[in-house]
């Protein structure tokens, strides 16, 4: 089907719904949005994988747009680009071997392993200890590590957190990079992370195993010495290992969930061996700047982000192997472009805005992490991040939004302003088990101490005959990271327009308000990363 006809058809079919209330002083060019969406989704880009000609072609389209719009370059050396030299690491096929008490486990079925940065091989054998969830959060009244010496040992932990942790505390607690870093600091040699049964309902073991096989991208940083070999272990194998030492896995997990730490020595060794190969890869972030007009505010920046990359070419599904990534995240990339158009001539802008398209999000938020660590403006000039990772309204128009990060800073005032303008409301995250807050680029900014938001359409459909949550879950099941996330999927034009408006109004309010952007001082994120 001709893609322009496709959009026109859906506009006719879906445009007859109730009119979205709008503020009178802005215009978002939906025609421009759809043109950029089509360009960034085309098959010729081969899924925009990081470091590929397809990604480079997509970035050329955005660079041309930035030049034509007249935005100031926000990259390096007067360019729109921030070049990044990556190290790409792969696990050599059939090289991984994990032994517990001398018994070899089956790769893929019982455990998986990620490539380790900067080493050609891993060869460790050490006593095996159990350290609960692997958490050490005295400020939350909980520590698994207080009574356990992990020096020179392989540490087994269970992915999770006590039930007393709130949604964000739980998301941070299950960030394997932070946990691995803590255990390495304490002298551990390796980590075995048990994936509990409850997590499999969110991400199946097969998906987890396949992700572990993907090439891993890293870059040179001051934290290079914090790498530690780690594997993921199927919960059924953990149950068997616990039984060998007279422990009941489910009882131990129940105690941990109830906030009662459990740690012990297994009394036998674990051993892990693997080989890696490495190659160099280059890619880049893209940045354009609209300068603020108020001399008291123009030297500080709101960074608005979207990831330009997707996962490229993969396994064939329904005779298609190109993972176009239309919603994820050609839509977010196109959204930044039309927001830049709409905000360029906004007369009341006080703060400056950097529009930042990042690479390697699908490789673990690596491009945004690089920028947050090495920004192209002074660190002190960044006041906040607004991230757009998929225009979820493409699935269905909703009456509400989910605002990740809302409760942690006074950026919530800007969200409140936007939803009031549009007659919407802010809803709590209905699926905290997905850990979305730490799985998109705003988290890279949060870890560097910057307040951040990620605002998407909620799950309350504007049409009461539709089940928004069910439609979202079906999209996750049938289109997320699949070739079917392309231009031929059903799209809600009113839903797209409404979500574009929400994010535009949030951005507009942030850069025109006169008060300081501040963390809430009782925020867990503030105490974890900014205090």
Foldseek 3Di string as FASTA:
>chain_A
DPLVVVVVVLCVVQVVDDDWFFDPQFDFDVVLLSVLLAVLLDCVLQFLAFQDVSVVVNVVVVQVLLVVLPFFQFEPPRHQWPKAKKKWKFFPPPFKWKDDQNRTDDELPFKAWAGFPDDFKDWAKFFEKEQEQLDDDVVLPAGSPPPDQQARAEYEYEQFAALVDDLLSGLVSNPVLVSLLVSVVSHHQEYEYEYDPVLCVVPNSNNVRVLRRDIAIDHDDPCSVSIHTYMYGYVVVVQVLQVVQPHGPVVQNVCRNNRHHDMGTSPGMMIIMTGMDIDMGMGIKGKGKQAFDAPVARLAEEEEEEESGGRGFDDDDPNDGRQSCSQQPSSQVSLLSSLCVGCNPPPQFHYMYMYMHFHCLVSPLRRLLVCLVPPSHDNVRYAEYEYEGGQLLFLAAAQEKEKVLLQWWPLVVLLVVQSVSRNHYYDYDPCSSNSVNNSGNRVSNLQQPHRYIYMYGDQHGPPNVDGSVVSSVVCCVPRVSDNVSGSPDRTNPVRSVSSSSSVSSSVRCVRNDDDGITTDPVDPSCVNHPD
